[in-house]
Each structure stands twice: as structure tokens, then as C-alpha cells.
């Protein structure tokens, strides 16, 4: 069989993959906690976000907290995403090893919409308002064997939603992630993750309405399994997520991406995941010592042409 034949097979497989992913993406639209499922850093977003088994040096513990136990240096990361319709997503993270076999991390994630035009009941304009979702994430991981680690994230959640010019309602909650990481070879890993165990926002509308009540918006729980391989310098990372509503299976979440390194300094990336197709570039350089800094950019677009630009910086010391 010639190369053209294999090329046609790959093309058909990719078309089917994109089509199925598009259909499945509709099932999870509008669910709570979406800002924690979008991907966070330039590198992860450019590669589709399938980082259950791949370490993201800008945010080592987001995709799998078990990575903290394999850190050899302290890591600080900053990321900012600018999206259409005045949406934003930002994150700051810190992770450090705890010799001999543990690791910890602390991160803050913020998402929101700015420039929302408020209006009175008469229709006249009032002040400009904004929404905001925040997550404070605390991570601990322990290496049980030289090739096996287990980790968990504790997430303190808050969602601020403006009602009127002077009234605001806030949802608060807590959630958990649990991850397992298995080193299957020098360059290969296998990851397992349960994301958003009991994560929720608890709302009390009695603060703003006379007949309000307390209720909870639960995040979907996602069970993910992923792998990472290095084939002649080409990194291939992906995972498959099974999304549930705590009682029933609702959807699949496939994600896949690649990264190619040129001169061990310049990086070219592409991928698909979370309903978005993306590509990106990266630069690794020395600020105080060799290879201690990473500067990355990603562009992503979903099926309705909503675009996002992400820039990230990571520093290891």
C-alpha cells in the first residue's frame, strides 16, 4: 500500500474524530464549572488539552495532581487567555517537590466576562458590570513507587454574578480531583484522573429575592485516561474523558495533540480537544540558567468561529 492510501485513511479518521467530538461537545455545553475544563496554558491548549499523562510546566498539577510528586524543580507559571465576547481566563500556579517522594502545589484560576451593560427595568442604561468565577487549588502528591504516584487537588470555588447595579449573588463550594500517574518508560507515561468529585456552587437566592431558596449547581464529574509518547522527538499526548452527571454517563471527551521541538529550543504544536482546534508556538531559553524559562503562545477556535489567544510564561528554579 502506498503513502497516498495511508494518507487517505488518516484524513478520514481525523474527519470522523472531529465530527464525533463536535456532536459530543453539544451535550456538555452550559454545564457548571466550564472554565476548569477549557484548558489553561498555551502549551496545553495548543495540544488539545489532553494532558492527563503529560506534564505542563506552566501548570503542572491542573491536568493530573500526581505530577507534583515527580517534580525535580520548583515551578511558577502565569497564563492569560483573551476570548471573544469580552471573556477572559487567567491562572497563576506554583508547585514544588517535597523530598524525597512528595510534591505540593498552590494555584489560583480566574474566569469572567467584562463590559456587561447593565440596564434598569425601564430599559435605560445603568453601570457596566462583570461576572467572575474563581478557584483556589491546593495540591498534594505522593510517589508510592519509583514509577507510580498518586495526587489530589482540593478546590475552593466561588462565582460572583451581578443582579442589579447594587445587588450581587455569589455561589460558593468545594471540589476535589484525584489522579494517578504511571511511568511506563523513559519517555512514556500513563495517567488516570477523576476530575470534579462533588464540585458545586451553592446559591442562596434569599439574599436578593423575598422567596429565594438554597440550591446547588453540580459540576459534571469526568473520568479520564490518557497517555504520552515520544516518537523520534515528536511528542504525542492525548486522553479520553467519560463525562457523568454523578448518576449517568452523558458524553465522551476525546483530546489529542502533538509537539515538535526544533534545536531543543523552538516548539511547534497542534491539537484538537474541548471542542476547539488549536495550534501554537513555544520558546525555551535561559534567564538565570540554561532552560529555566518557557514563553508560549496558542491560538484556538471552536466550531462557531469563537477564537481565543493564550500566552503563558513558566519559570523553573
C-alpha atoms as a PDB file:
ATOM      1  CA  UNK A   1       0.000   0.000   0.000  1.00  0.00           C
ATOM      2  CA  UNK A   2       1.395   3.423  -0.934  1.00  0.00           C
ATOM      3  CA  UNK A   3       1.672   6.558   1.150  1.00  0.00           C
ATOM      4  CA  UNK A   4      -1.360   8.136  -0.538  1.00  0.00           C
ATOM      5  CA  UNK A   5      -3.530   5.264   0.693  1.00  0.00           C
ATOM      6  CA  UNK A   6      -2.378   5.720   4.279  1.00  0.00           C
ATOM      7  CA  UNK A   7      -2.831   9.464   3.917  1.00  0.00           C
ATOM      8  CA  UNK A   8      -6.461   8.985   2.898  1.00  0.00           C
ATOM      9  CA  UNK A   9      -7.060   6.689   5.894  1.00  0.00           C
ATOM     10  CA  UNK A  10      -5.584   9.261   8.288  1.00  0.00           C
ATOM     11  CA  UNK A  11      -7.696  12.012   6.709  1.00  0.00           C
ATOM     12  CA  UNK A  12     -10.917  10.018   7.098  1.00  0.00           C
ATOM     13  CA  UNK A  13     -10.093   9.110  10.698  1.00  0.00           C
ATOM     14  CA  UNK A  14      -9.483  12.780  11.561  1.00  0.00           C
ATOM     15  CA  UNK A  15     -12.737  13.863   9.912  1.00  0.00           C
ATOM     16  CA  UNK A  16     -14.691  11.252  11.871  1.00  0.00           C
ATOM     17  CA  UNK A  17     -12.863  12.265  15.090  1.00  0.00           C
ATOM     18  CA  UNK A  18     -13.714  15.957  14.612  1.00  0.00           C
ATOM     19  CA  UNK A  19     -17.347  15.206  13.698  1.00  0.00           C
ATOM     20  CA  UNK A  20     -17.926  12.979  16.732  1.00  0.00           C
ATOM     21  CA  UNK A  21     -16.193  15.484  19.018  1.00  0.00           C
ATOM     22  CA  UNK A  22     -18.397  18.266  17.675  1.00  0.00           C
ATOM     23  CA  UNK A  23     -21.591  16.306  18.335  1.00  0.00           C
ATOM     24  CA  UNK A  24     -20.481  15.323  21.822  1.00  0.00           C
ATOM     25  CA  UNK A  25     -19.447  18.883  22.671  1.00  0.00           C
ATOM     26  CA  UNK A  26     -23.085  19.964  22.466  1.00  0.00           C
ATOM     27  CA  UNK A  27     -24.018  17.635  25.349  1.00  0.00           C
ATOM     28  CA  UNK A  28     -21.814  19.394  27.877  1.00  0.00           C
ATOM     29  CA  UNK A  29     -22.448  22.987  26.800  1.00  0.00           C
ATOM     30  CA  UNK A  30     -23.735  25.165  29.602  1.00  0.00           C
ATOM     31  CA  UNK A  31     -22.715  22.869  32.465  1.00  0.00           C
ATOM     32  CA  UNK A  32     -21.277  24.455  35.620  1.00  0.00           C
ATOM     33  CA  UNK A  33     -17.520  24.843  36.011  1.00  0.00           C
ATOM     34  CA  UNK A  34     -16.746  25.153  32.324  1.00  0.00           C
ATOM     35  CA  UNK A  35     -13.746  27.410  32.991  1.00  0.00           C
ATOM     36  CA  UNK A  36     -11.946  24.458  34.625  1.00  0.00           C
ATOM     37  CA  UNK A  37     -12.468  22.254  31.542  1.00  0.00           C
ATOM     38  CA  UNK A  38     -11.277  24.632  28.827  1.00  0.00           C
ATOM     39  CA  UNK A  39      -7.551  24.129  29.221  1.00  0.00           C
ATOM     40  CA  UNK A  40      -5.392  26.676  30.940  1.00  0.00           C
ATOM     41  CA  UNK A  41      -1.951  27.283  29.443  1.00  0.00           C
ATOM     42  CA  UNK A  42      -0.720  27.977  25.928  1.00  0.00           C
ATOM     43  CA  UNK A  43       1.016  24.626  25.592  1.00  0.00           C
ATOM     44  CA  UNK A  44      -1.930  22.557  26.783  1.00  0.00           C
ATOM     45  CA  UNK A  45      -4.479  24.481  24.731  1.00  0.00           C
ATOM     46  CA  UNK A  46      -2.348  24.277  21.578  1.00  0.00           C
ATOM     47  CA  UNK A  47      -2.152  20.492  22.012  1.00  0.00           C
ATOM     48  CA  UNK A  48      -5.863  19.974  22.636  1.00  0.00           C
ATOM     49  CA  UNK A  49      -5.707  19.842  26.431  1.00  0.00           C
ATOM     50  CA  UNK A  50      -5.232  16.068  26.655  1.00  0.00           C
ATOM     51  CA  UNK A  51      -2.576  16.300  29.357  1.00  0.00           C
ATOM     52  CA  UNK A  52      -3.723  13.601  31.781  1.00  0.00           C
ATOM     53  CA  UNK A  53      -0.364  11.874  31.212  1.00  0.00           C
ATOM     54  CA  UNK A  54       1.727  14.897  30.149  1.00  0.00           C
ATOM     55  CA  UNK A  55       3.305  17.458  32.463  1.00  0.00           C
ATOM     56  CA  UNK A  56       2.573  21.089  31.701  1.00  0.00           C
ATOM     57  CA  UNK A  57       5.487  23.131  33.035  1.00  0.00           C
ATOM     58  CA  UNK A  58       3.269  26.231  33.274  1.00  0.00           C
ATOM     59  CA  UNK A  59       0.695  24.422  35.434  1.00  0.00           C
ATOM     60  CA  UNK A  60       1.990  21.007  36.478  1.00  0.00           C
ATOM     61  CA  UNK A  61      -0.932  19.989  38.694  1.00  0.00           C
ATOM     62  CA  UNK A  62      -4.077  21.056  36.809  1.00  0.00           C
ATOM     63  CA  UNK A  63      -4.465  18.094  34.467  1.00  0.00           C
ATOM     64  CA  UNK A  64      -3.167  15.495  36.916  1.00  0.00           C
ATOM     65  CA  UNK A  65      -2.143  16.360  40.504  1.00  0.00           C
ATOM     66  CA  UNK A  66       0.040  13.231  40.674  1.00  0.00           C
ATOM     67  CA  UNK A  67       2.661  15.067  38.579  1.00  0.00           C
ATOM     68  CA  UNK A  68       3.697  17.084  41.651  1.00  0.00           C
ATOM     69  CA  UNK A  69       5.446  14.013  43.086  1.00  0.00           C
ATOM     70  CA  UNK A  70       7.719  13.760  40.025  1.00  0.00           C
ATOM     71  CA  UNK A  71       8.899  17.373  40.053  1.00  0.00           C
ATOM     72  CA  UNK A  72      12.639  17.928  40.323  1.00  0.00           C
ATOM     73  CA  UNK A  73      12.470  21.755  40.498  1.00  0.00           C
ATOM     74  CA  UNK A  74      10.130  24.433  41.782  1.00  0.00           C
ATOM     75  CA  UNK A  75       7.836  25.821  39.078  1.00  0.00           C
ATOM     76  CA  UNK A  76       6.000  29.125  38.745  1.00  0.00           C
ATOM     77  CA  UNK A  77       3.560  29.711  35.901  1.00  0.00           C
ATOM     78  CA  UNK A  78       1.385  32.540  34.602  1.00  0.00           C
ATOM     79  CA  UNK A  79      -1.213  32.308  31.867  1.00  0.00           C
ATOM     80  CA  UNK A  80      -3.791  34.614  30.304  1.00  0.00           C
ATOM     81  CA  UNK A  81      -6.421  33.880  27.657  1.00  0.00           C
ATOM     82  CA  UNK A  82      -8.334  36.570  25.790  1.00  0.00           C
ATOM     83  CA  UNK A  83     -11.545  35.297  24.172  1.00  0.00           C
ATOM     84  CA  UNK A  84     -14.352  36.725  22.089  1.00  0.00           C
ATOM     85  CA  UNK A  85     -17.332  38.462  23.748  1.00  0.00           C
ATOM     86  CA  UNK A  86     -15.077  40.122  26.365  1.00  0.00           C
ATOM     87  CA  UNK A  87     -14.313  36.818  28.105  1.00  0.00           C
ATOM     88  CA  UNK A  88     -11.066  36.171  29.960  1.00  0.00           C
ATOM     89  CA  UNK A  89      -9.292  33.284  31.660  1.00  0.00           C
ATOM     90  CA  UNK A  90      -6.209  33.709  33.855  1.00  0.00           C
ATOM     91  CA  UNK A  91      -4.172  31.461  36.105  1.00  0.00           C
ATOM     92  CA  UNK A  92      -1.179  31.644  38.442  1.00  0.00           C
ATOM     93  CA  UNK A  93       0.418  28.496  39.800  1.00  0.00           C
ATOM     94  CA  UNK A  94       3.282  27.348  41.999  1.00  0.00           C
ATOM     95  CA  UNK A  95       4.468  23.779  42.550  1.00  0.00           C
ATOM     96  CA  UNK A  96       7.459  22.364  44.371  1.00  0.00           C
ATOM     97  CA  UNK A  97       8.893  18.944  45.205  1.00  0.00           C
ATOM     98  CA  UNK A  98       8.957  17.774  48.818  1.00  0.00           C
ATOM     99  CA  UNK A  99      11.940  15.403  49.016  1.00  0.00           C
ATOM    100  CA  UNK A 100      12.247  12.568  48.950  1.00  0.00           C
ATOM    101  CA  UNK A 101       8.988  11.439  47.328  1.00  0.00           C
ATOM    102  CA  UNK A 102       6.235  14.089  47.568  1.00  0.00           C
ATOM    103  CA  UNK A 103       5.180  17.351  45.995  1.00  0.00           C
ATOM    104  CA  UNK A 104       2.743  20.211  46.683  1.00  0.00           C
ATOM    105  CA  UNK A 105       1.158  22.985  44.678  1.00  0.00           C
ATOM    106  CA  UNK A 106      -0.936  26.121  45.012  1.00  0.00           C
ATOM    107  CA  UNK A 107      -2.839  27.820  42.194  1.00  0.00           C
ATOM    108  CA  UNK A 108      -5.453  30.475  41.520  1.00  0.00           C
ATOM    109  CA  UNK A 109      -7.717  30.407  38.464  1.00  0.00           C
ATOM    110  CA  UNK A 110      -9.987  33.271  37.428  1.00  0.00           C
ATOM    111  CA  UNK A 111     -12.528  33.499  34.626  1.00  0.00           C
ATOM    112  CA  UNK A 112     -15.138  36.084  33.808  1.00  0.00           C
ATOM    113  CA  UNK A 113     -16.892  38.408  31.393  1.00  0.00           C
ATOM    114  CA  UNK A 114     -16.300  42.156  31.391  1.00  0.00           C
ATOM    115  CA  UNK A 115     -18.170  45.124  29.884  1.00  0.00           C
ATOM    116  CA  UNK A 116     -21.691  43.805  30.531  1.00  0.00           C
ATOM    117  CA  UNK A 117     -24.071  46.704  30.008  1.00  0.00           C
ATOM    118  CA  UNK A 118     -26.477  46.958  32.944  1.00  0.00           C
ATOM    119  CA  UNK A 119     -29.979  48.320  32.409  1.00  0.00           C
ATOM    120  CA  UNK A 120     -32.855  49.496  34.572  1.00  0.00           C
ATOM    121  CA  UNK A 121     -36.344  47.976  34.290  1.00  0.00           C
ATOM    122  CA  UNK A 122     -37.219  50.892  32.001  1.00  0.00           C
ATOM    123  CA  UNK A 123     -34.534  49.797  29.568  1.00  0.00           C
ATOM    124  CA  UNK A 124     -32.223  52.726  30.248  1.00  0.00           C
ATOM    125  CA  UNK A 125     -28.525  52.000  30.653  1.00  0.00           C
ATOM    126  CA  UNK A 126     -27.050  51.780  34.149  1.00  0.00           C
ATOM    127  CA  UNK A 127     -23.445  50.881  35.010  1.00  0.00           C
ATOM    128  CA  UNK A 128     -21.087  48.417  33.336  1.00  0.00           C
ATOM    129  CA  UNK A 129     -20.914  45.101  35.214  1.00  0.00           C
ATOM    130  CA  UNK A 130     -18.857  41.915  35.134  1.00  0.00           C
ATOM    131  CA  UNK A 131     -19.033  38.310  36.288  1.00  0.00           C
ATOM    132  CA  UNK A 132     -16.241  36.301  37.858  1.00  0.00           C
ATOM    133  CA  UNK A 133     -15.510  32.651  38.642  1.00  0.00           C
ATOM    134  CA  UNK A 134     -12.574  31.787  40.905  1.00  0.00           C
ATOM    135  CA  UNK A 135     -10.910  28.601  42.046  1.00  0.00           C
ATOM    136  CA  UNK A 136      -8.163  28.313  44.658  1.00  0.00           C
ATOM    137  CA  UNK A 137      -6.486  24.933  44.180  1.00  0.00           C
ATOM    138  CA  UNK A 138      -4.287  23.154  46.745  1.00  0.00           C
ATOM    139  CA  UNK A 139      -2.352  20.072  45.623  1.00  0.00           C
ATOM    140  CA  UNK A 140      -0.562  17.223  47.359  1.00  0.00           C
ATOM    141  CA  UNK A 141       1.020  14.195  45.686  1.00  0.00           C
ATOM    142  CA  UNK A 142       2.997  11.192  46.904  1.00  0.00           C
ATOM    143  CA  UNK A 143       5.259   8.864  44.920  1.00  0.00           C
ATOM    144  CA  UNK A 144       4.486   5.339  46.121  1.00  0.00           C
ATOM    145  CA  UNK A 145       6.947   3.553  43.830  1.00  0.00           C
ATOM    146  CA  UNK A 146       9.698   4.988  41.616  1.00  0.00           C
ATOM    147  CA  UNK A 147       7.278   4.735  38.685  1.00  0.00           C
ATOM    148  CA  UNK A 148       3.923   5.342  40.413  1.00  0.00           C
ATOM    149  CA  UNK A 149       2.422   8.395  42.125  1.00  0.00           C
ATOM    150  CA  UNK A 150      -0.971   9.445  43.472  1.00  0.00           C
ATOM    151  CA  UNK A 151      -2.164  13.017  43.976  1.00  0.00           C
ATOM    152  CA  UNK A 152      -5.211  15.108  44.797  1.00  0.00           C
ATOM    153  CA  UNK A 153      -6.472  18.663  44.314  1.00  0.00           C
ATOM    154  CA  UNK A 154      -8.737  20.473  46.745  1.00  0.00           C
ATOM    155  CA  UNK A 155     -10.575  23.332  45.024  1.00  0.00           C
ATOM    156  CA  UNK A 156     -12.283  26.212  46.810  1.00  0.00           C
ATOM    157  CA  UNK A 157     -14.807  27.677  44.363  1.00  0.00           C
ATOM    158  CA  UNK A 158     -16.662  30.977  44.051  1.00  0.00           C
ATOM    159  CA  UNK A 159     -18.905  32.507  41.371  1.00  0.00           C
ATOM    160  CA  UNK A 160     -19.932  36.181  41.585  1.00  0.00           C
ATOM    161  CA  UNK A 161     -22.957  37.117  39.483  1.00  0.00           C
ATOM    162  CA  UNK A 162     -24.362  40.672  39.310  1.00  0.00           C
ATOM    163  CA  UNK A 163     -28.132  41.008  39.602  1.00  0.00           C
ATOM    164  CA  UNK A 164     -28.597  44.775  39.568  1.00  0.00           C
ATOM    165  CA  UNK A 165     -26.374  47.812  39.871  1.00  0.00           C
ATOM    166  CA  UNK A 166     -26.126  47.327  43.629  1.00  0.00           C
ATOM    167  CA  UNK A 167     -27.050  43.655  44.190  1.00  0.00           C
ATOM    168  CA  UNK A 168     -24.840  40.621  43.611  1.00  0.00           C
ATOM    169  CA  UNK A 169     -25.316  36.950  44.302  1.00  0.00           C
ATOM    170  CA  UNK A 170     -22.433  34.571  44.928  1.00  0.00           C
ATOM    171  CA  UNK A 171     -22.219  30.817  44.661  1.00  0.00           C
ATOM    172  CA  UNK A 172     -19.625  29.033  46.779  1.00  0.00           C
ATOM    173  CA  UNK A 173     -18.449  25.474  47.021  1.00  0.00           C
ATOM    174  CA  UNK A 174     -15.635  22.976  47.214  1.00  0.00           C
ATOM    175  CA  UNK A 175     -14.476  20.176  44.947  1.00  0.00           C
ATOM    176  CA  UNK A 176     -11.817  17.516  44.557  1.00  0.00           C
ATOM    177  CA  UNK A 177      -9.663  15.841  41.899  1.00  0.00           C
ATOM    178  CA  UNK A 178      -7.766  12.565  42.244  1.00  0.00           C
ATOM    179  CA  UNK A 179      -5.028  11.457  39.863  1.00  0.00           C
ATOM    180  CA  UNK A 180      -2.684   8.531  39.275  1.00  0.00           C
ATOM    181  CA  UNK A 181       0.460   8.639  37.158  1.00  0.00           C
ATOM    182  CA  UNK A 182       2.414   5.632  35.905  1.00  0.00           C
ATOM    183  CA  UNK A 183       5.826   5.921  34.265  1.00  0.00           C
ATOM    184  CA  UNK A 184       5.736   3.189  31.612  1.00  0.00           C
ATOM    185  CA  UNK A 185       9.111   4.042  30.080  1.00  0.00           C
ATOM    186  CA  UNK A 186      11.762   6.727  29.797  1.00  0.00           C
ATOM    187  CA  UNK A 187       9.545   8.938  27.638  1.00  0.00           C
ATOM    188  CA  UNK A 188       6.147   7.290  28.034  1.00  0.00           C
ATOM    189  CA  UNK A 189       3.537   7.786  30.751  1.00  0.00           C
ATOM    190  CA  UNK A 190       0.006   6.661  31.538  1.00  0.00           C
ATOM    191  CA  UNK A 191      -2.350   8.873  33.519  1.00  0.00           C
ATOM    192  CA  UNK A 192      -5.713   8.367  35.203  1.00  0.00           C
ATOM    193  CA  UNK A 193      -7.765  11.216  36.623  1.00  0.00           C
ATOM    194  CA  UNK A 194     -11.144  11.782  38.254  1.00  0.00           C
ATOM    195  CA  UNK A 195     -11.995  15.456  37.901  1.00  0.00           C
ATOM    196  CA  UNK A 196     -14.515  17.443  39.953  1.00  0.00           C
ATOM    197  CA  UNK A 197     -15.635  14.974  42.569  1.00  0.00           C
ATOM    198  CA  UNK A 198     -18.589  16.690  44.289  1.00  0.00           C
ATOM    199  CA  UNK A 199     -17.588  20.120  42.902  1.00  0.00           C
ATOM    200  CA  UNK A 200     -20.514  22.528  43.097  1.00  0.00           C
ATOM    201  CA  UNK A 201     -21.742  26.075  43.583  1.00  0.00           C
ATOM    202  CA  UNK A 202     -24.205  26.588  46.435  1.00  0.00           C
ATOM    203  CA  UNK A 203     -26.536  29.539  45.848  1.00  0.00           C
ATOM    204  CA  UNK A 204     -28.803  31.318  48.315  1.00  0.00           C
ATOM    205  CA  UNK A 205     -31.234  33.438  46.317  1.00  0.00           C
ATOM    206  CA  UNK A 206     -32.924  34.515  49.560  1.00  0.00           C
ATOM    207  CA  UNK A 207     -30.265  37.237  49.719  1.00  0.00           C
ATOM    208  CA  UNK A 208     -31.829  39.031  46.735  1.00  0.00           C
ATOM    209  CA  UNK A 209     -35.358  37.622  46.400  1.00  0.00           C
ATOM    210  CA  UNK A 210     -38.113  37.515  49.037  1.00  0.00           C
ATOM    211  CA  UNK A 211     -38.962  33.917  48.128  1.00  0.00           C
ATOM    212  CA  UNK A 212     -35.459  32.723  47.443  1.00  0.00           C
ATOM    213  CA  UNK A 213     -34.025  29.333  48.302  1.00  0.00           C
ATOM    214  CA  UNK A 214     -30.759  27.422  48.662  1.00  0.00           C
ATOM    215  CA  UNK A 215     -29.763  25.112  45.845  1.00  0.00           C
ATOM    216  CA  UNK A 216     -26.624  23.613  44.307  1.00  0.00           C
ATOM    217  CA  UNK A 217     -25.243  23.554  40.772  1.00  0.00           C
ATOM    218  CA  UNK A 218     -23.042  20.468  40.498  1.00  0.00           C
ATOM    219  CA  UNK A 219     -20.131  20.251  38.082  1.00  0.00           C
ATOM    220  CA  UNK A 220     -20.049  17.164  35.851  1.00  0.00           C
ATOM    221  CA  UNK A 221     -17.566  14.547  37.052  1.00  0.00           C
ATOM    222  CA  UNK A 222     -15.091  13.451  34.378  1.00  0.00           C
ATOM    223  CA  UNK A 223     -13.185  10.139  34.411  1.00  0.00           C
ATOM    224  CA  UNK A 224     -10.105  10.443  32.202  1.00  0.00           C
ATOM    225  CA  UNK A 225      -7.402   8.104  30.988  1.00  0.00           C
ATOM    226  CA  UNK A 226      -4.508   9.334  28.870  1.00  0.00           C
ATOM    227  CA  UNK A 227      -1.076   8.529  27.559  1.00  0.00           C
ATOM    228  CA  UNK A 228       2.011  10.299  26.332  1.00  0.00           C
ATOM    229  CA  UNK A 229       4.691   9.065  23.941  1.00  0.00           C
ATOM    230  CA  UNK A 230       7.850  10.448  22.369  1.00  0.00           C
ATOM    231  CA  UNK A 231       8.460   9.181  18.834  1.00  0.00           C
ATOM    232  CA  UNK A 232      11.755  10.415  17.369  1.00  0.00           C
ATOM    233  CA  UNK A 233      11.378  13.803  19.042  1.00  0.00           C
ATOM    234  CA  UNK A 234       7.664  14.151  18.280  1.00  0.00           C
ATOM    235  CA  UNK A 235       5.606  14.247  21.487  1.00  0.00           C
ATOM    236  CA  UNK A 236       2.118  12.790  21.154  1.00  0.00           C
ATOM    237  CA  UNK A 237      -0.274  13.338  24.069  1.00  0.00           C
ATOM    238  CA  UNK A 238      -3.952  12.577  24.379  1.00  0.00           C
ATOM    239  CA  UNK A 239      -6.701  11.361  26.626  1.00  0.00           C
ATOM    240  CA  UNK A 240     -10.285  10.185  26.628  1.00  0.00           C
ATOM    241  CA  UNK A 241     -12.788  11.508  29.145  1.00  0.00           C
ATOM    242  CA  UNK A 242     -16.063   9.976  30.255  1.00  0.00           C
ATOM    243  CA  UNK A 243     -18.424  12.706  31.460  1.00  0.00           C
ATOM    244  CA  UNK A 244     -21.127  11.896  34.018  1.00  0.00           C
ATOM    245  CA  UNK A 245     -23.799  13.790  35.927  1.00  0.00           C
ATOM    246  CA  UNK A 246     -22.928  11.795  39.086  1.00  0.00           C
ATOM    247  CA  UNK A 247     -25.513   9.167  38.205  1.00  0.00           C
ATOM    248  CA  UNK A 248     -25.422   8.547  34.455  1.00  0.00           C
ATOM    249  CA  UNK A 249     -22.879   8.656  31.657  1.00  0.00           C
ATOM    250  CA  UNK A 250     -23.574  11.668  29.412  1.00  0.00           C
ATOM    251  CA  UNK A 251     -20.742  12.115  26.903  1.00  0.00           C
ATOM    252  CA  UNK A 252     -17.205  11.373  25.701  1.00  0.00           C
ATOM    253  CA  UNK A 253     -14.405  13.939  25.641  1.00  0.00           C
ATOM    254  CA  UNK A 254     -11.562  12.934  23.245  1.00  0.00           C
ATOM    255  CA  UNK A 255      -8.453  15.153  23.069  1.00  0.00           C
ATOM    256  CA  UNK A 256      -5.239  14.758  21.082  1.00  0.00           C
ATOM    257  CA  UNK A 257      -2.185  16.879  20.333  1.00  0.00           C
ATOM    258  CA  UNK A 258       1.409  16.841  19.072  1.00  0.00           C
ATOM    259  CA  UNK A 259       4.557  18.855  19.720  1.00  0.00           C
ATOM    260  CA  UNK A 260       7.734  19.055  17.672  1.00  0.00           C
ATOM    261  CA  UNK A 261      10.969  20.518  19.062  1.00  0.00           C
ATOM    262  CA  UNK A 262      13.487  22.255  16.794  1.00  0.00           C
ATOM    263  CA  UNK A 263      17.020  22.676  18.152  1.00  0.00           C
ATOM    264  CA  UNK A 264      15.635  21.847  21.624  1.00  0.00           C
ATOM    265  CA  UNK A 265      14.548  25.460  21.897  1.00  0.00           C
ATOM    266  CA  UNK A 266      11.712  26.192  19.472  1.00  0.00           C
ATOM    267  CA  UNK A 267       8.424  24.288  19.674  1.00  0.00           C
ATOM    268  CA  UNK A 268       5.597  23.830  17.197  1.00  0.00           C
ATOM    269  CA  UNK A 269       2.272  22.440  18.406  1.00  0.00           C
ATOM    270  CA  UNK A 270      -1.172  21.468  17.191  1.00  0.00           C
ATOM    271  CA  UNK A 271      -4.165  19.634  18.536  1.00  0.00           C
ATOM    272  CA  UNK A 272      -7.884  19.231  18.975  1.00  0.00           C
ATOM    273  CA  UNK A 273      -9.918  18.984  22.158  1.00  0.00           C
ATOM    274  CA  UNK A 274     -12.643  20.603  24.258  1.00  0.00           C
ATOM    275  CA  UNK A 275     -14.498  21.401  21.043  1.00  0.00           C
ATOM    276  CA  UNK A 276     -11.623  23.541  19.737  1.00  0.00           C
ATOM    277  CA  UNK A 277      -8.907  23.174  17.122  1.00  0.00           C
ATOM    278  CA  UNK A 278      -5.638  24.895  18.019  1.00  0.00           C
ATOM    279  CA  UNK A 279      -2.000  25.484  17.182  1.00  0.00           C
ATOM    280  CA  UNK A 280       0.829  27.222  18.993  1.00  0.00           C
ATOM    281  CA  UNK A 281       4.484  28.153  19.291  1.00  0.00           C
ATOM    282  CA  UNK A 282       6.931  27.979  22.169  1.00  0.00           C
ATOM    283  CA  UNK A 283      10.363  29.276  23.094  1.00  0.00           C
ATOM    284  CA  UNK A 284      12.622  27.776  25.752  1.00  0.00           C
ATOM    285  CA  UNK A 285      15.510  29.957  26.928  1.00  0.00           C
ATOM    286  CA  UNK A 286      17.776  30.691  29.864  1.00  0.00           C
ATOM    287  CA  UNK A 287      17.013  33.656  32.100  1.00  0.00           C
ATOM    288  CA  UNK A 288      19.323  32.899  35.027  1.00  0.00           C
ATOM    289  CA  UNK A 289      20.455  29.443  33.959  1.00  0.00           C
ATOM    290  CA  UNK A 290      20.006  27.224  30.923  1.00  0.00           C
ATOM    291  CA  UNK A 291      16.444  26.161  30.055  1.00  0.00           C
ATOM    292  CA  UNK A 292      14.802  27.784  33.085  1.00  0.00           C
ATOM    293  CA  UNK A 293      12.149  29.781  31.168  1.00  0.00           C
ATOM    294  CA  UNK A 294       9.360  28.989  28.713  1.00  0.00           C
ATOM    295  CA  UNK A 295       7.321  31.529  26.751  1.00  0.00           C
ATOM    296  CA  UNK A 296       4.372  30.107  24.799  1.00  0.00           C
ATOM    297  CA  UNK A 297       1.502  31.262  22.595  1.00  0.00           C
ATOM    298  CA  UNK A 298      -1.614  29.435  21.372  1.00  0.00           C
ATOM    299  CA  UNK A 299      -4.471  30.261  19.040  1.00  0.00           C
ATOM    300  CA  UNK A 300      -7.676  28.228  19.248  1.00  0.00           C
ATOM    301  CA  UNK A 301     -11.050  28.306  17.543  1.00  0.00           C
ATOM    302  CA  UNK A 302     -14.289  26.407  18.080  1.00  0.00           C
ATOM    303  CA  UNK A 303     -16.930  25.310  15.578  1.00  0.00           C
ATOM    304  CA  UNK A 304     -18.795  28.622  15.616  1.00  0.00           C
ATOM    305  CA  UNK A 305     -15.607  30.627  14.951  1.00  0.00           C
ATOM    306  CA  UNK A 306     -15.178  31.894  18.507  1.00  0.00           C
ATOM    307  CA  UNK A 307     -11.442  32.436  18.888  1.00  0.00           C
ATOM    308  CA  UNK A 308      -9.032  32.652  21.801  1.00  0.00           C
ATOM    309  CA  UNK A 309      -5.449  33.837  22.194  1.00  0.00           C
ATOM    310  CA  UNK A 310      -3.403  32.442  25.088  1.00  0.00           C
ATOM    311  CA  UNK A 311       0.022  33.486  26.294  1.00  0.00           C
ATOM    312  CA  UNK A 312       1.904  31.747  29.115  1.00  0.00           C
ATOM    313  CA  UNK A 313       5.189  32.067  30.928  1.00  0.00           C
ATOM    314  CA  UNK A 314       6.823  29.410  33.105  1.00  0.00           C
ATOM    315  CA  UNK A 315       9.952  29.631  35.255  1.00  0.00           C
ATOM    316  CA  UNK A 316      11.789  26.759  36.968  1.00  0.00           C
ATOM    317  CA  UNK A 317      14.284  27.176  39.798  1.00  0.00           C
END
